[in-house]
Amino acid sequence: TYSGNLWTSYQLPNQLIIGGGSQY
């Protein structure tokens, strides 16, 4: 009946990218 997802990522000044998210 309900489902969804959320994802986000961020690039730091040293070009390192970290990200995470969830699925429901």
PDB file of all heavy atoms in Angstrom:
ATOM      1  N   THR A   1       0.831  -1.196   0.000  1.00  0.00           N
ATOM      2  CA  THR A   1       0.000   0.000   0.000  1.00  0.00           C
ATOM      3  C   THR A   1       0.869   1.252   0.000  1.00  0.00           C
ATOM      4  O   THR A   1       0.610   2.212  -0.738  1.00  0.00           O
ATOM      5  CB  THR A   1      -0.927   0.003   1.223  1.00  0.00           C
ATOM      6  OG1 THR A   1      -1.716  -1.197   1.222  1.00  0.00           O
ATOM      7  CG2 THR A   1      -1.870   1.199   1.188  1.00  0.00           C
ATOM      8  N   TYR A   2       1.936   1.229   0.802  1.00  0.00           N
ATOM      9  CA  TYR A   2       2.847   2.366   0.877  1.00  0.00           C
ATOM     10  C   TYR A   2       4.271   1.903   0.585  1.00  0.00           C
ATOM     11  O   TYR A   2       4.694   0.834   1.044  1.00  0.00           O
ATOM     12  CB  TYR A   2       2.816   3.019   2.268  1.00  0.00           C
ATOM     13  CG  TYR A   2       1.457   3.500   2.690  1.00  0.00           C
ATOM     14  CD1 TYR A   2       0.662   2.737   3.545  1.00  0.00           C
ATOM     15  CD2 TYR A   2       0.951   4.719   2.239  1.00  0.00           C
ATOM     16  CE1 TYR A   2      -0.595   3.175   3.945  1.00  0.00           C
ATOM     17  CE2 TYR A   2      -0.300   5.164   2.628  1.00  0.00           C
ATOM     18  CZ  TYR A   2      -1.069   4.391   3.486  1.00  0.00           C
ATOM     19  OH  TYR A   2      -2.307   4.823   3.856  1.00  0.00           O
ATOM     20  N   SER A   3       5.007   2.700  -0.145  1.00  0.00           N
ATOM     21  CA  SER A   3       6.422   2.419  -0.386  1.00  0.00           C
ATOM     22  C   SER A   3       7.114   3.720  -0.761  1.00  0.00           C
ATOM     23  O   SER A   3       6.473   4.691  -1.176  1.00  0.00           O
ATOM     24  CB  SER A   3       6.609   1.373  -1.496  1.00  0.00           C
ATOM     25  OG  SER A   3       6.109   1.853  -2.731  1.00  0.00           O
ATOM     26  N   GLY A   4       8.428   3.737  -0.596  1.00  0.00           N
ATOM     27  CA  GLY A   4       9.156   4.946  -0.929  1.00  0.00           C
ATOM     28  C   GLY A   4      10.647   4.758  -0.792  1.00  0.00           C
ATOM     29  O   GLY A   4      11.125   3.721  -0.314  1.00  0.00           O
ATOM     30  N   ASN A   5      11.396   5.748  -1.221  1.00  0.00           N
ATOM     31  CA  ASN A   5      12.844   5.710  -1.068  1.00  0.00           C
ATOM     32  C   ASN A   5      13.374   7.129  -0.993  1.00  0.00           C
ATOM     33  O   ASN A   5      12.762   8.078  -1.491  1.00  0.00           O
ATOM     34  CB  ASN A   5      13.507   4.936  -2.217  1.00  0.00           C
ATOM     35  CG  ASN A   5      13.354   5.645  -3.541  1.00  0.00           C
ATOM     36  OD1 ASN A   5      14.092   6.582  -3.851  1.00  0.00           O
ATOM     37  ND2 ASN A   5      12.382   5.219  -4.342  1.00  0.00           N
ATOM     38  N   LEU A   6      14.525   7.265  -0.338  1.00  0.00           N
ATOM     39  CA  LEU A   6      15.182   8.546  -0.206  1.00  0.00           C
ATOM     40  C   LEU A   6      16.680   8.330  -0.294  1.00  0.00           C
ATOM     41  O   LEU A   6      17.237   7.427   0.352  1.00  0.00           O
ATOM     42  CB  LEU A   6      14.835   9.202   1.134  1.00  0.00           C
ATOM     43  CG  LEU A   6      15.498  10.558   1.419  1.00  0.00           C
ATOM     44  CD1 LEU A   6      15.022  11.608   0.420  1.00  0.00           C
ATOM     45  CD2 LEU A   6      15.210  11.010   2.842  1.00  0.00           C
ATOM     46  N   TRP A   7      17.351   9.127  -1.129  1.00  0.00           N
ATOM     47  CA  TRP A   7      18.798   9.010  -1.306  1.00  0.00           C
ATOM     48  C   TRP A   7      19.411  10.402  -1.328  1.00  0.00           C
ATOM     49  O   TRP A   7      18.851  11.329  -1.935  1.00  0.00           O
ATOM     50  CB  TRP A   7      19.137   8.293  -2.609  1.00  0.00           C
ATOM     51  CG  TRP A   7      20.610   8.239  -2.882  1.00  0.00           C
ATOM     52  CD1 TRP A   7      21.347   9.113  -3.643  1.00  0.00           C
ATOM     53  CD2 TRP A   7      21.526   7.290  -2.363  1.00  0.00           C
ATOM     54  NE1 TRP A   7      22.665   8.757  -3.630  1.00  0.00           N
ATOM     55  CE2 TRP A   7      22.810   7.635  -2.849  1.00  0.00           C
ATOM     56  CE3 TRP A   7      21.401   6.187  -1.534  1.00  0.00           C
ATOM     57  CZ2 TRP A   7      23.951   6.919  -2.534  1.00  0.00           C
ATOM     58  CZ3 TRP A   7      22.525   5.461  -1.216  1.00  0.00           C
ATOM     59  CH2 TRP A   7      23.784   5.822  -1.724  1.00  0.00           C
ATOM     60  N   THR A   8      20.546  10.562  -0.652  1.00  0.00           N
ATOM     61  CA  THR A   8      21.246  11.839  -0.670  1.00  0.00           C
ATOM     62  C   THR A   8      22.749  11.604  -0.685  1.00  0.00           C
ATOM     63  O   THR A   8      23.239  10.608  -0.139  1.00  0.00           O
ATOM     64  CB  THR A   8      20.868  12.704   0.549  1.00  0.00           C
ATOM     65  OG1 THR A   8      21.526  13.980   0.461  1.00  0.00           O
ATOM     66  CG2 THR A   8      21.271  12.030   1.859  1.00  0.00           C
ATOM     67  N   SER A   9      23.465  12.473  -1.349  1.00  0.00           N
ATOM     68  CA  SER A   9      24.924  12.397  -1.375  1.00  0.00           C
ATOM     69  C   SER A   9      25.493  13.811  -1.322  1.00  0.00           C
ATOM     70  O   SER A   9      24.857  14.768  -1.781  1.00  0.00           O
ATOM     71  CB  SER A   9      25.422  11.666  -2.626  1.00  0.00           C
ATOM     72  OG  SER A   9      25.081  12.388  -3.797  1.00  0.00           O
ATOM     73  N   TYR A  10      26.697  13.909  -0.765  1.00  0.00           N
ATOM     74  CA  TYR A  10      27.321  15.213  -0.592  1.00  0.00           C
ATOM     75  C   TYR A  10      28.798  15.117  -0.953  1.00  0.00           C
ATOM     76  O   TYR A  10      29.487  14.168  -0.555  1.00  0.00           O
ATOM     77  CB  TYR A  10      27.171  15.692   0.849  1.00  0.00           C
ATOM     78  CG  TYR A  10      27.621  17.118   1.055  1.00  0.00           C
ATOM     79  CD1 TYR A  10      26.776  18.183   0.757  1.00  0.00           C
ATOM     80  CD2 TYR A  10      28.897  17.403   1.541  1.00  0.00           C
ATOM     81  CE1 TYR A  10      27.189  19.497   0.936  1.00  0.00           C
ATOM     82  CE2 TYR A  10      29.317  18.717   1.717  1.00  0.00           C
ATOM     83  CZ  TYR A  10      28.463  19.760   1.410  1.00  0.00           C
ATOM     84  OH  TYR A  10      28.880  21.057   1.571  1.00  0.00           O
ATOM     85  N   GLN A  11      29.280  16.090  -1.710  1.00  0.00           N
ATOM     86  CA  GLN A  11      30.688  16.136  -2.095  1.00  0.00           C
ATOM     87  C   GLN A  11      31.425  17.125  -1.206  1.00  0.00           C
ATOM     88  O   GLN A  11      31.127  18.322  -1.181  1.00  0.00           O
ATOM     89  CB  GLN A  11      30.833  16.536  -3.565  1.00  0.00           C
ATOM     90  CG  GLN A  11      32.277  16.572  -4.040  1.00  0.00           C
ATOM     91  CD  GLN A  11      32.385  16.781  -5.538  1.00  0.00           C
ATOM     92  OE1 GLN A  11      32.074  15.894  -6.321  1.00  0.00           O
ATOM     93  NE2 GLN A  11      32.829  17.968  -5.937  1.00  0.00           N
ATOM     94  N   LEU A  12      32.421  16.605  -0.468  1.00  0.00           N
ATOM     95  CA  LEU A  12      33.206  17.426   0.439  1.00  0.00           C
ATOM     96  C   LEU A  12      34.228  18.261  -0.331  1.00  0.00           C
ATOM     97  O   LEU A  12      34.498  18.000  -1.512  1.00  0.00           O
ATOM     98  CB  LEU A  12      33.912  16.525   1.455  1.00  0.00           C
ATOM     99  CG  LEU A  12      32.981  15.669   2.333  1.00  0.00           C
ATOM    100  CD1 LEU A  12      33.801  14.692   3.161  1.00  0.00           C
ATOM    101  CD2 LEU A  12      32.123  16.551   3.222  1.00  0.00           C
ATOM    102  N   PRO A  13      34.823  19.262   0.325  1.00  0.00           N
ATOM    103  CA  PRO A  13      35.806  20.108  -0.382  1.00  0.00           C
ATOM    104  C   PRO A  13      36.990  19.336  -0.953  1.00  0.00           C
ATOM    105  O   PRO A  13      37.581  19.762  -1.947  1.00  0.00           O
ATOM    106  CB  PRO A  13      36.247  21.078   0.721  1.00  0.00           C
ATOM    107  CG  PRO A  13      35.076  21.168   1.638  1.00  0.00           C
ATOM    108  CD  PRO A  13      34.480  19.802   1.652  1.00  0.00           C
ATOM    109  N   ASN A  14      37.320  18.191  -0.337  1.00  0.00           N
ATOM    110  CA  ASN A  14      38.443  17.388  -0.861  1.00  0.00           C
ATOM    111  C   ASN A  14      38.004  16.426  -1.964  1.00  0.00           C
ATOM    112  O   ASN A  14      38.722  15.491  -2.301  1.00  0.00           O
ATOM    113  CB  ASN A  14      39.120  16.635   0.268  1.00  0.00           C
ATOM    114  CG  ASN A  14      38.187  15.618   0.925  1.00  0.00           C
ATOM    115  OD1 ASN A  14      37.004  15.541   0.573  1.00  0.00           O
ATOM    116  ND2 ASN A  14      38.696  14.868   1.873  1.00  0.00           N
ATOM    117  N   GLN A  15      36.796  16.611  -2.509  1.00  0.00           N
ATOM    118  CA  GLN A  15      36.226  15.823  -3.608  1.00  0.00           C
ATOM    119  C   GLN A  15      35.692  14.459  -3.179  1.00  0.00           C
ATOM    120  O   GLN A  15      35.177  13.710  -4.003  1.00  0.00           O
ATOM    121  CB  GLN A  15      37.252  15.617  -4.748  1.00  0.00           C
ATOM    122  CG  GLN A  15      37.804  16.906  -5.330  1.00  0.00           C
ATOM    123  CD  GLN A  15      36.713  17.792  -5.904  1.00  0.00           C
ATOM    124  OE1 GLN A  15      35.911  17.344  -6.716  1.00  0.00           O
ATOM    125  NE2 GLN A  15      36.660  19.047  -5.468  1.00  0.00           N
ATOM    126  N   LEU A  16      35.829  14.122  -1.895  1.00  0.00           N
ATOM    127  CA  LEU A  16      35.260  12.873  -1.397  1.00  0.00           C
ATOM    128  C   LEU A  16      33.739  12.980  -1.376  1.00  0.00           C
ATOM    129  O   LEU A  16      33.177  13.979  -0.900  1.00  0.00           O
ATOM    130  CB  LEU A  16      35.774  12.575   0.012  1.00  0.00           C
ATOM    131  CG  LEU A  16      35.231  11.293   0.670  1.00  0.00           C
ATOM    132  CD1 LEU A  16      35.795  10.065  -0.028  1.00  0.00           C
ATOM    133  CD2 LEU A  16      35.566  11.276   2.158  1.00  0.00           C
ATOM    134  N   ILE A  17      33.056  11.963  -1.906  1.00  0.00           N
ATOM    135  CA  ILE A  17      31.592  11.930  -1.934  1.00  0.00           C
ATOM    136  C   ILE A  17      31.108  10.879  -0.945  1.00  0.00           C
ATOM    137  O   ILE A  17      31.553   9.724  -0.974  1.00  0.00           O
ATOM    138  CB  ILE A  17      31.067  11.599  -3.340  1.00  0.00           C
ATOM    139  CG1 ILE A  17      31.476  12.684  -4.327  1.00  0.00           C
ATOM    140  CG2 ILE A  17      29.537  11.455  -3.321  1.00  0.00           C
ATOM    141  CD1 ILE A  17      31.080  12.380  -5.770  1.00  0.00           C
ATOM    142  N   ILE A  18      30.221  11.283  -0.048  1.00  0.00           N
ATOM    143  CA  ILE A  18      29.587  10.347   0.867  1.00  0.00           C
ATOM    144  C   ILE A  18      28.086  10.404   0.635  1.00  0.00           C
ATOM    145  O   ILE A  18      27.531  11.458   0.313  1.00  0.00           O
ATOM    146  CB  ILE A  18      29.924  10.660   2.334  1.00  0.00           C
ATOM    147  CG1 ILE A  18      29.507  12.093   2.680  1.00  0.00           C
ATOM    148  CG2 ILE A  18      31.407  10.444   2.611  1.00  0.00           C
ATOM    149  CD1 ILE A  18      29.674  12.431   4.153  1.00  0.00           C
ATOM    150  N   GLY A  19      27.450   9.261   0.750  1.00  0.00           N
ATOM    151  CA  GLY A  19      26.015   9.218   0.495  1.00  0.00           C
ATOM    152  C   GLY A  19      25.338   8.103   1.241  1.00  0.00           C
ATOM    153  O   GLY A  19      25.977   7.166   1.742  1.00  0.00           O
ATOM    154  N   GLY A  20      24.047   8.198   1.329  1.00  0.00           N
ATOM    155  CA  GLY A  20      23.270   7.156   1.999  1.00  0.00           C
ATOM    156  C   GLY A  20      21.798   7.326   1.699  1.00  0.00           C
ATOM    157  O   GLY A  20      21.354   8.390   1.233  1.00  0.00           O
ATOM    158  N   GLY A  21      21.058   6.273   1.939  1.00  0.00           N
ATOM    159  CA  GLY A  21      19.629   6.343   1.673  1.00  0.00           C
ATOM    160  C   GLY A  21      18.890   5.160   2.239  1.00  0.00           C
ATOM    161  O   GLY A  21      19.494   4.229   2.791  1.00  0.00           O
ATOM    162  N   SER A  22      17.595   5.204   2.103  1.00  0.00           N
ATOM    163  CA  SER A  22      16.749   4.140   2.629  1.00  0.00           C
ATOM    164  C   SER A  22      15.648   3.809   1.642  1.00  0.00           C
ATOM    165  O   SER A  22      15.261   4.629   0.809  1.00  0.00           O
ATOM    166  CB  SER A  22      16.126   4.559   3.970  1.00  0.00           C
ATOM    167  OG  SER A  22      15.306   5.705   3.784  1.00  0.00           O
ATOM    168  N   GLN A  23      15.164   2.581   1.731  1.00  0.00           N
ATOM    169  CA  GLN A  23      14.019   2.107   0.950  1.00  0.00           C
ATOM    170  C   GLN A  23      12.995   1.543   1.926  1.00  0.00           C
ATOM    171  O   GLN A  23      13.353   0.792   2.840  1.00  0.00           O
ATOM    172  CB  GLN A  23      14.440   1.010  -0.031  1.00  0.00           C
ATOM    173  CG  GLN A  23      15.463   1.441  -1.057  1.00  0.00           C
ATOM    174  CD  GLN A  23      16.040   0.237  -1.781  1.00  0.00           C
ATOM    175  OE1 GLN A  23      17.168  -0.170  -1.523  1.00  0.00           O
ATOM    176  NE2 GLN A  23      15.271  -0.352  -2.681  1.00  0.00           N
ATOM    177  N   TYR A  24      11.741   1.897   1.710  1.00  0.00           N
ATOM    178  CA  TYR A  24      10.671   1.422   2.602  1.00  0.00           C
ATOM    179  C   TYR A  24       9.652   0.631   1.811  1.00  0.00           C
ATOM    180  O   TYR A  24       9.178   1.080   0.760  1.00  0.00           O
ATOM    181  CB  TYR A  24       9.980   2.598   3.299  1.00  0.00           C
ATOM    182  CG  TYR A  24       8.785   2.179   4.127  1.00  0.00           C
ATOM    183  CD1 TYR A  24       8.957   1.421   5.283  1.00  0.00           C
ATOM    184  CD2 TYR A  24       7.499   2.515   3.736  1.00  0.00           C
ATOM    185  CE1 TYR A  24       7.861   1.026   6.040  1.00  0.00           C
ATOM    186  CE2 TYR A  24       6.394   2.132   4.487  1.00  0.00           C
ATOM    187  CZ  TYR A  24       6.582   1.389   5.638  1.00  0.00           C
ATOM    188  OH  TYR A  24       5.494   0.991   6.374  1.00  0.00           O
TER     189      TYR A  24
END
